[in-house]
Amino acid sequence: MKMRDDLDLNEFEKILKEKLAHIESNIEQLRSELESVGSDDGINDMEDLASLQSLSSKDNTILDQQENERKETLHALAKIKNGSYGMCEESAKPIPEERLRVNPIARTKV
């Protein structure tokens, strides 16, 4: 597979590393919130319990999304290291730079 010499890979690596740091911070915060909800003994009635369960469910969904985005970001960083960043995983053709600027973890052209 051909390495993209038309992209500033250092710039994309910096963008991805900043994105990763932000995601990891979000994950840490969500896990902390979920732990505090799980240990909340101050539940006074069924309404409080339902509200906490709803929050916990939403936090779990967001946590799953953040963990998936972390995985995709790590994958993109690995592709920079192995020289395949910016190449479509389906067609092996270059992903347009504009698409990578909008979504630096893009795996495909479309």
PDB file of N, CA and C in Angstrom:
ATOM      1  N   MET A   1       0.848  -1.185   0.000  1.00  0.00           N
ATOM      2  CA  MET A   1       0.000   0.000   0.000  1.00  0.00           C
ATOM      3  C   MET A   1       0.889   1.243   0.000  1.00  0.00           C
ATOM      4  N   LYS A   2       0.506   2.187  -0.800  1.00  0.00           N
ATOM      5  CA  LYS A   2       1.284   3.416  -0.972  1.00  0.00           C
ATOM      6  C   LYS A   2       1.052   4.393   0.186  1.00  0.00           C
ATOM      7  N   MET A   3       2.137   4.980   0.672  1.00  0.00           N
ATOM      8  CA  MET A   3       2.052   5.979   1.740  1.00  0.00           C
ATOM      9  C   MET A   3       1.620   7.320   1.152  1.00  0.00           C
ATOM     10  N   ARG A   4       0.796   8.045   1.892  1.00  0.00           N
ATOM     11  CA  ARG A   4       0.299   9.344   1.438  1.00  0.00           C
ATOM     12  C   ARG A   4       1.345  10.418   1.675  1.00  0.00           C
ATOM     13  N   ASP A   5       1.985  10.880   0.607  1.00  0.00           N
ATOM     14  CA  ASP A   5       2.957  11.963   0.757  1.00  0.00           C
ATOM     15  C   ASP A   5       2.322  13.332   0.516  1.00  0.00           C
ATOM     16  N   ASP A   6       1.015  13.331   0.176  1.00  0.00           N
ATOM     17  CA  ASP A   6       0.304  14.593  -0.028  1.00  0.00           C
ATOM     18  C   ASP A   6      -0.345  15.099   1.264  1.00  0.00           C
ATOM     19  N   LEU A   7      -0.256  14.324   2.337  1.00  0.00           N
ATOM     20  CA  LEU A   7      -0.831  14.714   3.626  1.00  0.00           C
ATOM     21  C   LEU A   7       0.285  15.063   4.603  1.00  0.00           C
ATOM     22  N   ASP A   8       0.007  16.032   5.469  1.00  0.00           N
ATOM     23  CA  ASP A   8       0.933  16.342   6.554  1.00  0.00           C
ATOM     24  C   ASP A   8       0.603  15.379   7.701  1.00  0.00           C
ATOM     25  N   LEU A   9       1.254  14.222   7.687  1.00  0.00           N
ATOM     26  CA  LEU A   9       0.949  13.180   8.669  1.00  0.00           C
ATOM     27  C   LEU A   9       1.252  13.625  10.094  1.00  0.00           C
ATOM     28  N   ASN A  10       2.248  14.482  10.277  1.00  0.00           N
ATOM     29  CA  ASN A  10       2.541  15.003  11.622  1.00  0.00           C
ATOM     30  C   ASN A  10       1.365  15.813  12.152  1.00  0.00           C
ATOM     31  N   GLU A  11       0.747  16.584  11.269  1.00  0.00           N
ATOM     32  CA  GLU A  11      -0.418  17.382  11.675  1.00  0.00           C
ATOM     33  C   GLU A  11      -1.581  16.467  12.064  1.00  0.00           C
ATOM     34  N   PHE A  12      -1.842  15.445  11.238  1.00  0.00           N
ATOM     35  CA  PHE A  12      -2.938  14.524  11.547  1.00  0.00           C
ATOM     36  C   PHE A  12      -2.642  13.730  12.820  1.00  0.00           C
ATOM     37  N   GLU A  13      -1.383  13.371  13.032  1.00  0.00           N
ATOM     38  CA  GLU A  13      -1.015  12.660  14.256  1.00  0.00           C
ATOM     39  C   GLU A  13      -1.284  13.549  15.476  1.00  0.00           C
ATOM     40  N   LYS A  14      -0.955  14.830  15.376  1.00  0.00           N
ATOM     41  CA  LYS A  14      -1.203  15.776  16.472  1.00  0.00           C
ATOM     42  C   LYS A  14      -2.710  15.895  16.733  1.00  0.00           C
ATOM     43  N   ILE A  15      -3.490  16.033  15.668  1.00  0.00           N
ATOM     44  CA  ILE A  15      -4.951  16.129  15.794  1.00  0.00           C
ATOM     45  C   ILE A  15      -5.498  14.885  16.492  1.00  0.00           C
ATOM     46  N   LEU A  16      -5.045  13.717  16.052  1.00  0.00           N
ATOM     47  CA  LEU A  16      -5.535  12.458  16.616  1.00  0.00           C
ATOM     48  C   LEU A  16      -5.110  12.285  18.072  1.00  0.00           C
ATOM     49  N   LYS A  17      -3.901  12.690  18.413  1.00  0.00           N
ATOM     50  CA  LYS A  17      -3.444  12.581  19.805  1.00  0.00           C
ATOM     51  C   LYS A  17      -4.231  13.516  20.718  1.00  0.00           C
ATOM     52  N   GLU A  18      -4.553  14.719  20.231  1.00  0.00           N
ATOM     53  CA  GLU A  18      -5.379  15.645  21.016  1.00  0.00           C
ATOM     54  C   GLU A  18      -6.783  15.075  21.193  1.00  0.00           C
ATOM     55  N   LYS A  19      -7.314  14.500  20.128  1.00  0.00           N
ATOM     56  CA  LYS A  19      -8.639  13.871  20.177  1.00  0.00           C
ATOM     57  C   LYS A  19      -8.631  12.723  21.185  1.00  0.00           C
ATOM     58  N   LEU A  20      -7.581  11.918  21.162  1.00  0.00           N
ATOM     59  CA  LEU A  20      -7.460  10.789  22.077  1.00  0.00           C
ATOM     60  C   LEU A  20      -7.416  11.262  23.528  1.00  0.00           C
ATOM     61  N   ALA A  21      -6.659  12.302  23.808  1.00  0.00           N
ATOM     62  CA  ALA A  21      -6.576  12.836  25.173  1.00  0.00           C
ATOM     63  C   ALA A  21      -7.947  13.315  25.648  1.00  0.00           C
ATOM     64  N   HIS A  22      -8.690  13.977  24.768  1.00  0.00           N
ATOM     65  CA  HIS A  22     -10.033  14.461  25.107  1.00  0.00           C
ATOM     66  C   HIS A  22     -10.973  13.282  25.383  1.00  0.00           C
ATOM     67  N   ILE A  23     -10.915  12.273  24.532  1.00  0.00           N
ATOM     68  CA  ILE A  23     -11.770  11.092  24.697  1.00  0.00           C
ATOM     69  C   ILE A  23     -11.442  10.386  26.011  1.00  0.00           C
ATOM     70  N   GLU A  24     -10.158  10.207  26.300  1.00  0.00           N
ATOM     71  CA  GLU A  24      -9.770   9.514  27.530  1.00  0.00           C
ATOM     72  C   GLU A  24     -10.204  10.286  28.768  1.00  0.00           C
ATOM     73  N   SER A  25     -10.185  11.604  28.693  1.00  0.00           N
ATOM     74  CA  SER A  25     -10.680  12.431  29.789  1.00  0.00           C
ATOM     75  C   SER A  25     -12.186  12.223  29.970  1.00  0.00           C
ATOM     76  N   ASN A  26     -12.914  12.194  28.855  1.00  0.00           N
ATOM     77  CA  ASN A  26     -14.362  11.949  28.913  1.00  0.00           C
ATOM     78  C   ASN A  26     -14.666  10.586  29.519  1.00  0.00           C
ATOM     79  N   ILE A  27     -13.916   9.569  29.100  1.00  0.00           N
ATOM     80  CA  ILE A  27     -14.133   8.212  29.609  1.00  0.00           C
ATOM     81  C   ILE A  27     -13.902   8.171  31.116  1.00  0.00           C
ATOM     82  N   GLU A  28     -12.838   8.791  31.563  1.00  0.00           N
ATOM     83  CA  GLU A  28     -12.532   8.824  32.999  1.00  0.00           C
ATOM     84  C   GLU A  28     -13.653   9.508  33.777  1.00  0.00           C
ATOM     85  N   GLN A  29     -14.150  10.623  33.252  1.00  0.00           N
ATOM     86  CA  GLN A  29     -15.226  11.357  33.917  1.00  0.00           C
ATOM     87  C   GLN A  29     -16.511  10.528  33.951  1.00  0.00           C
ATOM     88  N   LEU A  30     -16.852   9.883  32.838  1.00  0.00           N
ATOM     89  CA  LEU A  30     -18.062   9.062  32.794  1.00  0.00           C
ATOM     90  C   LEU A  30     -17.973   7.889  33.765  1.00  0.00           C
ATOM     91  N   ARG A  31     -16.826   7.250  33.823  1.00  0.00           N
ATOM     92  CA  ARG A  31     -16.659   6.121  34.757  1.00  0.00           C
ATOM     93  C   ARG A  31     -16.811   6.590  36.196  1.00  0.00           C
ATOM     94  N   SER A  32     -16.276   7.756  36.494  1.00  0.00           N
ATOM     95  CA  SER A  32     -16.394   8.316  37.834  1.00  0.00           C
ATOM     96  C   SER A  32     -17.860   8.598  38.169  1.00  0.00           C
ATOM     97  N   GLU A  33     -18.586   9.174  37.206  1.00  0.00           N
ATOM     98  CA  GLU A  33     -20.011   9.456  37.421  1.00  0.00           C
ATOM     99  C   GLU A  33     -20.794   8.167  37.636  1.00  0.00           C
ATOM    100  N   LEU A  34     -20.496   7.150  36.842  1.00  0.00           N
ATOM    101  CA  LEU A  34     -21.208   5.879  36.976  1.00  0.00           C
ATOM    102  C   LEU A  34     -20.919   5.225  38.324  1.00  0.00           C
ATOM    103  N   GLU A  35     -19.690   5.331  38.795  1.00  0.00           N
ATOM    104  CA  GLU A  35     -19.348   4.781  40.110  1.00  0.00           C
ATOM    105  C   GLU A  35     -20.101   5.506  41.214  1.00  0.00           C
ATOM    106  N   SER A  36     -20.217   6.825  41.112  1.00  0.00           N
ATOM    107  CA  SER A  36     -20.909   7.581  42.155  1.00  0.00           C
ATOM    108  C   SER A  36     -22.406   7.311  42.126  1.00  0.00           C
ATOM    109  N   VAL A  37     -22.974   7.104  40.934  1.00  0.00           N
ATOM    110  CA  VAL A  37     -24.402   6.772  40.833  1.00  0.00           C
ATOM    111  C   VAL A  37     -24.638   5.392  41.426  1.00  0.00           C
ATOM    112  N   GLY A  38     -23.740   4.468  41.149  1.00  0.00           N
ATOM    113  CA  GLY A  38     -23.887   3.103  41.648  1.00  0.00           C
ATOM    114  C   GLY A  38     -23.765   3.004  43.154  1.00  0.00           C
ATOM    115  N   SER A  39     -23.091   3.940  43.780  1.00  0.00           N
ATOM    116  CA  SER A  39     -22.893   3.880  45.231  1.00  0.00           C
ATOM    117  C   SER A  39     -23.762   4.887  45.974  1.00  0.00           C
ATOM    118  N   ASP A  40     -24.731   5.494  45.292  1.00  0.00           N
ATOM    119  CA  ASP A  40     -25.578   6.518  45.918  1.00  0.00           C
ATOM    120  C   ASP A  40     -26.617   5.854  46.819  1.00  0.00           C
ATOM    121  N   ASP A  41     -26.429   6.008  48.121  1.00  0.00           N
ATOM    122  CA  ASP A  41     -27.367   5.440  49.091  1.00  0.00           C
ATOM    123  C   ASP A  41     -28.461   6.427  49.472  1.00  0.00           C
ATOM    124  N   GLY A  42     -28.445   7.613  48.903  1.00  0.00           N
ATOM    125  CA  GLY A  42     -29.409   8.639  49.264  1.00  0.00           C
ATOM    126  C   GLY A  42     -30.684   8.601  48.433  1.00  0.00           C
ATOM    127  N   ILE A  43     -31.044   7.439  47.917  1.00  0.00           N
ATOM    128  CA  ILE A  43     -32.262   7.323  47.103  1.00  0.00           C
ATOM    129  C   ILE A  43     -33.456   7.294  48.048  1.00  0.00           C
ATOM    130  N   ASN A  44     -34.357   8.275  47.849  1.00  0.00           N
ATOM    131  CA  ASN A  44     -35.477   8.420  48.772  1.00  0.00           C
ATOM    132  C   ASN A  44     -36.767   7.795  48.267  1.00  0.00           C
ATOM    133  N   ASP A  45     -36.950   7.713  46.966  1.00  0.00           N
ATOM    134  CA  ASP A  45     -38.199   7.156  46.455  1.00  0.00           C
ATOM    135  C   ASP A  45     -37.987   6.565  45.065  1.00  0.00           C
ATOM    136  N   MET A  46     -39.045   6.002  44.520  1.00  0.00           N
ATOM    137  CA  MET A  46     -38.976   5.341  43.213  1.00  0.00           C
ATOM    138  C   MET A  46     -38.648   6.330  42.099  1.00  0.00           C
ATOM    139  N   GLU A  47     -39.101   7.562  42.261  1.00  0.00           N
ATOM    140  CA  GLU A  47     -38.821   8.584  41.250  1.00  0.00           C
ATOM    141  C   GLU A  47     -37.321   8.880  41.184  1.00  0.00           C
ATOM    142  N   ASP A  48     -36.696   8.989  42.357  1.00  0.00           N
ATOM    143  CA  ASP A  48     -35.242   9.185  42.402  1.00  0.00           C
ATOM    144  C   ASP A  48     -34.518   8.012  41.752  1.00  0.00           C
ATOM    145  N   LEU A  49     -34.962   6.804  42.071  1.00  0.00           N
ATOM    146  CA  LEU A  49     -34.341   5.606  41.526  1.00  0.00           C
ATOM    147  C   LEU A  49     -34.470   5.572  40.004  1.00  0.00           C
ATOM    148  N   ALA A  50     -35.654   5.871  39.493  1.00  0.00           N
ATOM    149  CA  ALA A  50     -35.877   5.874  38.043  1.00  0.00           C
ATOM    150  C   ALA A  50     -35.010   6.927  37.365  1.00  0.00           C
ATOM    151  N   SER A  51     -34.898   8.076  37.995  1.00  0.00           N
ATOM    152  CA  SER A  51     -34.080   9.152  37.443  1.00  0.00           C
ATOM    153  C   SER A  51     -32.607   8.743  37.395  1.00  0.00           C
ATOM    154  N   LEU A  52     -32.122   8.128  38.466  1.00  0.00           N
ATOM    155  CA  LEU A  52     -30.729   7.667  38.507  1.00  0.00           C
ATOM    156  C   LEU A  52     -30.474   6.566  37.482  1.00  0.00           C
ATOM    157  N   GLN A  53     -31.440   5.657  37.326  1.00  0.00           N
ATOM    158  CA  GLN A  53     -31.275   4.575  36.352  1.00  0.00           C
ATOM    159  C   GLN A  53     -31.236   5.123  34.931  1.00  0.00           C
ATOM    160  N   SER A  54     -32.048   6.142  34.665  1.00  0.00           N
ATOM    161  CA  SER A  54     -32.052   6.765  33.345  1.00  0.00           C
ATOM    162  C   SER A  54     -30.711   7.437  33.068  1.00  0.00           C
ATOM    163  N   LEU A  55     -30.200   8.171  34.050  1.00  0.00           N
ATOM    164  CA  LEU A  55     -28.888   8.812  33.909  1.00  0.00           C
ATOM    165  C   LEU A  55     -27.797   7.772  33.691  1.00  0.00           C
ATOM    166  N   SER A  56     -27.854   6.707  34.461  1.00  0.00           N
ATOM    167  CA  SER A  56     -26.855   5.650  34.351  1.00  0.00           C
ATOM    168  C   SER A  56     -26.897   5.005  32.970  1.00  0.00           C
ATOM    169  N   SER A  57     -28.081   4.781  32.453  1.00  0.00           N
ATOM    170  CA  SER A  57     -28.231   4.184  31.122  1.00  0.00           C
ATOM    171  C   SER A  57     -27.657   5.101  30.046  1.00  0.00           C
ATOM    172  N   LYS A  58     -27.957   6.393  30.154  1.00  0.00           N
ATOM    173  CA  LYS A  58     -27.426   7.365  29.189  1.00  0.00           C
ATOM    174  C   LYS A  58     -25.903   7.435  29.280  1.00  0.00           C
ATOM    175  N   ASP A  59     -25.382   7.467  30.507  1.00  0.00           N
ATOM    176  CA  ASP A  59     -23.928   7.512  30.691  1.00  0.00           C
ATOM    177  C   ASP A  59     -23.260   6.265  30.116  1.00  0.00           C
ATOM    178  N   ASN A  60     -23.889   5.101  30.310  1.00  0.00           N
ATOM    179  CA  ASN A  60     -23.328   3.868  29.751  1.00  0.00           C
ATOM    180  C   ASN A  60     -23.301   3.911  28.230  1.00  0.00           C
ATOM    181  N   THR A  61     -24.350   4.452  27.622  1.00  0.00           N
ATOM    182  CA  THR A  61     -24.401   4.573  26.164  1.00  0.00           C
ATOM    183  C   THR A  61     -23.299   5.508  25.673  1.00  0.00           C
ATOM    184  N   ILE A  62     -23.158   6.644  26.342  1.00  0.00           N
ATOM    185  CA  ILE A  62     -22.113   7.608  25.966  1.00  0.00           C
ATOM    186  C   ILE A  62     -20.733   6.992  26.188  1.00  0.00           C
ATOM    187  N   LEU A  63     -20.568   6.263  27.285  1.00  0.00           N
ATOM    188  CA  LEU A  63     -19.288   5.605  27.569  1.00  0.00           C
ATOM    189  C   LEU A  63     -18.939   4.610  26.456  1.00  0.00           C
ATOM    190  N   ASP A  64     -19.919   3.820  26.027  1.00  0.00           N
ATOM    191  CA  ASP A  64     -19.690   2.872  24.927  1.00  0.00           C
ATOM    192  C   ASP A  64     -19.253   3.602  23.662  1.00  0.00           C
ATOM    193  N   GLN A  65     -19.925   4.713  23.359  1.00  0.00           N
ATOM    194  CA  GLN A  65     -19.578   5.492  22.165  1.00  0.00           C
ATOM    195  C   GLN A  65     -18.157   6.051  22.276  1.00  0.00           C
ATOM    196  N   GLN A  66     -17.807   6.558  23.443  1.00  0.00           N
ATOM    197  CA  GLN A  66     -16.477   7.128  23.652  1.00  0.00           C
ATOM    198  C   GLN A  66     -15.393   6.045  23.562  1.00  0.00           C
ATOM    199  N   GLU A  67     -15.686   4.867  24.112  1.00  0.00           N
ATOM    200  CA  GLU A  67     -14.710   3.774  24.038  1.00  0.00           C
ATOM    201  C   GLU A  67     -14.515   3.318  22.593  1.00  0.00           C
ATOM    202  N   ASN A  68     -15.594   3.296  21.812  1.00  0.00           N
ATOM    203  CA  ASN A  68     -15.474   2.940  20.400  1.00  0.00           C
ATOM    204  C   ASN A  68     -14.664   4.000  19.647  1.00  0.00           C
ATOM    205  N   GLU A  69     -14.930   5.265  19.946  1.00  0.00           N
ATOM    206  CA  GLU A  69     -14.184   6.343  19.290  1.00  0.00           C
ATOM    207  C   GLU A  69     -12.701   6.295  19.685  1.00  0.00           C
ATOM    208  N   ARG A  70     -12.420   5.918  20.918  1.00  0.00           N
ATOM    209  CA  ARG A  70     -11.029   5.749  21.362  1.00  0.00           C
ATOM    210  C   ARG A  70     -10.358   4.659  20.536  1.00  0.00           C
ATOM    211  N   LYS A  71     -11.057   3.539  20.370  1.00  0.00           N
ATOM    212  CA  LYS A  71     -10.515   2.425  19.586  1.00  0.00           C
ATOM    213  C   LYS A  71     -10.233   2.859  18.145  1.00  0.00           C
ATOM    214  N   GLU A  72     -11.160   3.599  17.542  1.00  0.00           N
ATOM    215  CA  GLU A  72     -10.989   4.067  16.164  1.00  0.00           C
ATOM    216  C   GLU A  72      -9.835   5.067  16.054  1.00  0.00           C
ATOM    217  N   THR A  73      -9.672   5.901  17.077  1.00  0.00           N
ATOM    218  CA  THR A  73      -8.578   6.874  17.081  1.00  0.00           C
ATOM    219  C   THR A  73      -7.234   6.164  17.198  1.00  0.00           C
ATOM    220  N   LEU A  74      -7.160   5.159  18.062  1.00  0.00           N
ATOM    221  CA  LEU A  74      -5.929   4.371  18.180  1.00  0.00           C
ATOM    222  C   LEU A  74      -5.620   3.651  16.864  1.00  0.00           C
ATOM    223  N   HIS A  75      -6.662   3.176  16.191  1.00  0.00           N
ATOM    224  CA  HIS A  75      -6.488   2.514  14.891  1.00  0.00           C
ATOM    225  C   HIS A  75      -5.907   3.500  13.872  1.00  0.00           C
ATOM    226  N   ALA A  76      -6.437   4.719  13.856  1.00  0.00           N
ATOM    227  CA  ALA A  76      -5.937   5.737  12.922  1.00  0.00           C
ATOM    228  C   ALA A  76      -4.474   6.080  13.225  1.00  0.00           C
ATOM    229  N   LEU A  77      -4.126   6.185  14.503  1.00  0.00           N
ATOM    230  CA  LEU A  77      -2.733   6.459  14.876  1.00  0.00           C
ATOM    231  C   LEU A  77      -1.815   5.312  14.448  1.00  0.00           C
ATOM    232  N   ALA A  78      -2.292   4.085  14.574  1.00  0.00           N
ATOM    233  CA  ALA A  78      -1.499   2.929  14.130  1.00  0.00           C
ATOM    234  C   ALA A  78      -1.294   2.970  12.619  1.00  0.00           C
ATOM    235  N   LYS A  79      -2.320   3.431  11.897  1.00  0.00           N
ATOM    236  CA  LYS A  79      -2.205   3.532  10.438  1.00  0.00           C
ATOM    237  C   LYS A  79      -1.180   4.597  10.045  1.00  0.00           C
ATOM    238  N   ILE A  80      -1.077   5.662  10.827  1.00  0.00           N
ATOM    239  CA  ILE A  80      -0.040   6.662  10.555  1.00  0.00           C
ATOM    240  C   ILE A  80       1.329   5.999  10.711  1.00  0.00           C
ATOM    241  N   LYS A  81       1.490   5.234  11.784  1.00  0.00           N
ATOM    242  CA  LYS A  81       2.777   4.576  12.044  1.00  0.00           C
ATOM    243  C   LYS A  81       3.143   3.570  10.946  1.00  0.00           C
ATOM    244  N   ASN A  82       2.132   2.823  10.435  1.00  0.00           N
ATOM    245  CA  ASN A  82       2.461   1.794   9.440  1.00  0.00           C
ATOM    246  C   ASN A  82       2.377   2.300   7.999  1.00  0.00           C
ATOM    247  N   GLY A  83       2.055   3.591   7.839  1.00  0.00           N
ATOM    248  CA  GLY A  83       2.081   4.195   6.507  1.00  0.00           C
ATOM    249  C   GLY A  83       0.826   4.038   5.683  1.00  0.00           C
ATOM    250  N   SER A  84      -0.261   3.563   6.301  1.00  0.00           N
ATOM    251  CA  SER A  84      -1.486   3.359   5.526  1.00  0.00           C
ATOM    252  C   SER A  84      -2.579   4.382   5.835  1.00  0.00           C
ATOM    253  N   TYR A  85      -2.257   5.416   6.638  1.00  0.00           N
ATOM    254  CA  TYR A  85      -3.262   6.424   6.988  1.00  0.00           C
ATOM    255  C   TYR A  85      -3.727   7.166   5.738  1.00  0.00           C
ATOM    256  N   GLY A  86      -5.042   7.380   5.664  1.00  0.00           N
ATOM    257  CA  GLY A  86      -5.611   8.143   4.550  1.00  0.00           C
ATOM    258  C   GLY A  86      -5.948   7.312   3.332  1.00  0.00           C
ATOM    259  N   MET A  87      -5.763   5.995   3.449  1.00  0.00           N
ATOM    260  CA  MET A  87      -6.110   5.107   2.348  1.00  0.00           C
ATOM    261  C   MET A  87      -7.395   4.363   2.711  1.00  0.00           C
ATOM    262  N   CYS A  88      -8.320   4.291   1.757  1.00  0.00           N
ATOM    263  CA  CYS A  88      -9.594   3.616   1.966  1.00  0.00           C
ATOM    264  C   CYS A  88      -9.350   2.131   2.238  1.00  0.00           C
ATOM    265  N   GLU A  89      -9.952   1.610   3.294  1.00  0.00           N
ATOM    266  CA  GLU A  89      -9.776   0.206   3.645  1.00  0.00           C
ATOM    267  C   GLU A  89     -10.556  -0.720   2.715  1.00  0.00           C
ATOM    268  N   GLU A  90     -11.499  -0.175   1.951  1.00  0.00           N
ATOM    269  CA  GLU A  90     -12.273  -0.997   1.018  1.00  0.00           C
ATOM    270  C   GLU A  90     -11.684  -0.982  -0.384  1.00  0.00           C
ATOM    271  N   SER A  91     -11.298   0.187  -0.859  1.00  0.00           N
ATOM    272  CA  SER A  91     -10.851   0.308  -2.253  1.00  0.00           C
ATOM    273  C   SER A  91      -9.341   0.510  -2.393  1.00  0.00           C
ATOM    274  N   ALA A  92      -8.656   0.778  -1.293  1.00  0.00           N
ATOM    275  CA  ALA A  92      -7.219   1.082  -1.279  1.00  0.00           C
ATOM    276  C   ALA A  92      -6.891   2.370  -2.039  1.00  0.00           C
ATOM    277  N   LYS A  93      -7.907   3.205  -2.267  1.00  0.00           N
ATOM    278  CA  LYS A  93      -7.697   4.500  -2.919  1.00  0.00           C
ATOM    279  C   LYS A  93      -7.591   5.582  -1.843  1.00  0.00           C
ATOM    280  N   PRO A  94      -6.958   6.706  -2.167  1.00  0.00           N
ATOM    281  CA  PRO A  94      -6.809   7.780  -1.181  1.00  0.00           C
ATOM    282  C   PRO A  94      -8.159   8.357  -0.735  1.00  0.00           C
ATOM    283  N   ILE A  95      -8.275   8.582   0.561  1.00  0.00           N
ATOM    284  CA  ILE A  95      -9.435   9.284   1.118  1.00  0.00           C
ATOM    285  C   ILE A  95      -9.148  10.769   0.938  1.00  0.00           C
ATOM    286  N   PRO A  96     -10.108  11.540   0.406  1.00  0.00           N
ATOM    287  CA  PRO A  96      -9.863  12.975   0.211  1.00  0.00           C
ATOM    288  C   PRO A  96      -9.456  13.667   1.523  1.00  0.00           C
ATOM    289  N   GLU A  97      -8.494  14.563   1.410  1.00  0.00           N
ATOM    290  CA  GLU A  97      -7.999  15.277   2.590  1.00  0.00           C
ATOM    291  C   GLU A  97      -9.132  16.015   3.300  1.00  0.00           C
ATOM    292  N   GLU A  98     -10.074  16.574   2.534  1.00  0.00           N
ATOM    293  CA  GLU A  98     -11.197  17.302   3.142  1.00  0.00           C
ATOM    294  C   GLU A  98     -11.982  16.376   4.069  1.00  0.00           C
ATOM    295  N   ARG A  99     -12.180  15.134   3.661  1.00  0.00           N
ATOM    296  CA  ARG A  99     -12.911  14.164   4.495  1.00  0.00           C
ATOM    297  C   ARG A  99     -12.114  13.867   5.766  1.00  0.00           C
ATOM    298  N   LEU A 100     -10.811  13.705   5.630  1.00  0.00           N
ATOM    299  CA  LEU A 100      -9.980  13.423   6.799  1.00  0.00           C
ATOM    300  C   LEU A 100      -9.946  14.609   7.758  1.00  0.00           C
ATOM    301  N   ARG A 101     -10.040  15.818   7.236  1.00  0.00           N
ATOM    302  CA  ARG A 101     -10.056  16.998   8.116  1.00  0.00           C
ATOM    303  C   ARG A 101     -11.346  17.039   8.936  1.00  0.00           C
ATOM    304  N   VAL A 102     -12.454  16.618   8.310  1.00  0.00           N
ATOM    305  CA  VAL A 102     -13.740  16.591   9.013  1.00  0.00           C
ATOM    306  C   VAL A 102     -13.802  15.394   9.962  1.00  0.00           C
ATOM    307  N   ASN A 103     -13.276  14.257   9.498  1.00  0.00           N
ATOM    308  CA  ASN A 103     -13.317  13.023  10.275  1.00  0.00           C
ATOM    309  C   ASN A 103     -11.962  12.316  10.179  1.00  0.00           C
ATOM    310  N   PRO A 104     -11.021  12.690  11.045  1.00  0.00           N
ATOM    311  CA  PRO A 104      -9.667  12.139  10.929  1.00  0.00           C
ATOM    312  C   PRO A 104      -9.569  10.638  11.196  1.00  0.00           C
ATOM    313  N   ILE A 105     -10.644  10.013  11.680  1.00  0.00           N
ATOM    314  CA  ILE A 105     -10.619   8.567  11.906  1.00  0.00           C
ATOM    315  C   ILE A 105     -11.314   7.802  10.781  1.00  0.00           C
ATOM    316  N   ALA A 106     -11.628   8.500   9.690  1.00  0.00           N
ATOM    317  CA  ALA A 106     -12.315   7.853   8.563  1.00  0.00           C
ATOM    318  C   ALA A 106     -11.498   6.680   8.036  1.00  0.00           C
ATOM    319  N   ARG A 107     -12.198   5.570   7.780  1.00  0.00           N
ATOM    320  CA  ARG A 107     -11.550   4.378   7.236  1.00  0.00           C
ATOM    321  C   ARG A 107     -11.815   4.218   5.743  1.00  0.00           C
ATOM    322  N   THR A 108     -12.876   4.884   5.259  1.00  0.00           N
ATOM    323  CA  THR A 108     -13.274   4.718   3.861  1.00  0.00           C
ATOM    324  C   THR A 108     -13.488   6.068   3.191  1.00  0.00           C
ATOM    325  N   LYS A 109     -13.544   6.022   1.859  1.00  0.00           N
ATOM    326  CA  LYS A 109     -13.744   7.249   1.075  1.00  0.00           C
ATOM    327  C   LYS A 109     -15.117   7.852   1.318  1.00  0.00           C
ATOM    328  N   VAL A 110     -16.121   7.006   1.478  1.00  0.00           N
ATOM    329  CA  VAL A 110     -17.495   7.501   1.635  1.00  0.00           C
ATOM    330  C   VAL A 110     -18.053   7.096   2.978  1.00  0.00           C
TER     331      VAL A 110
END
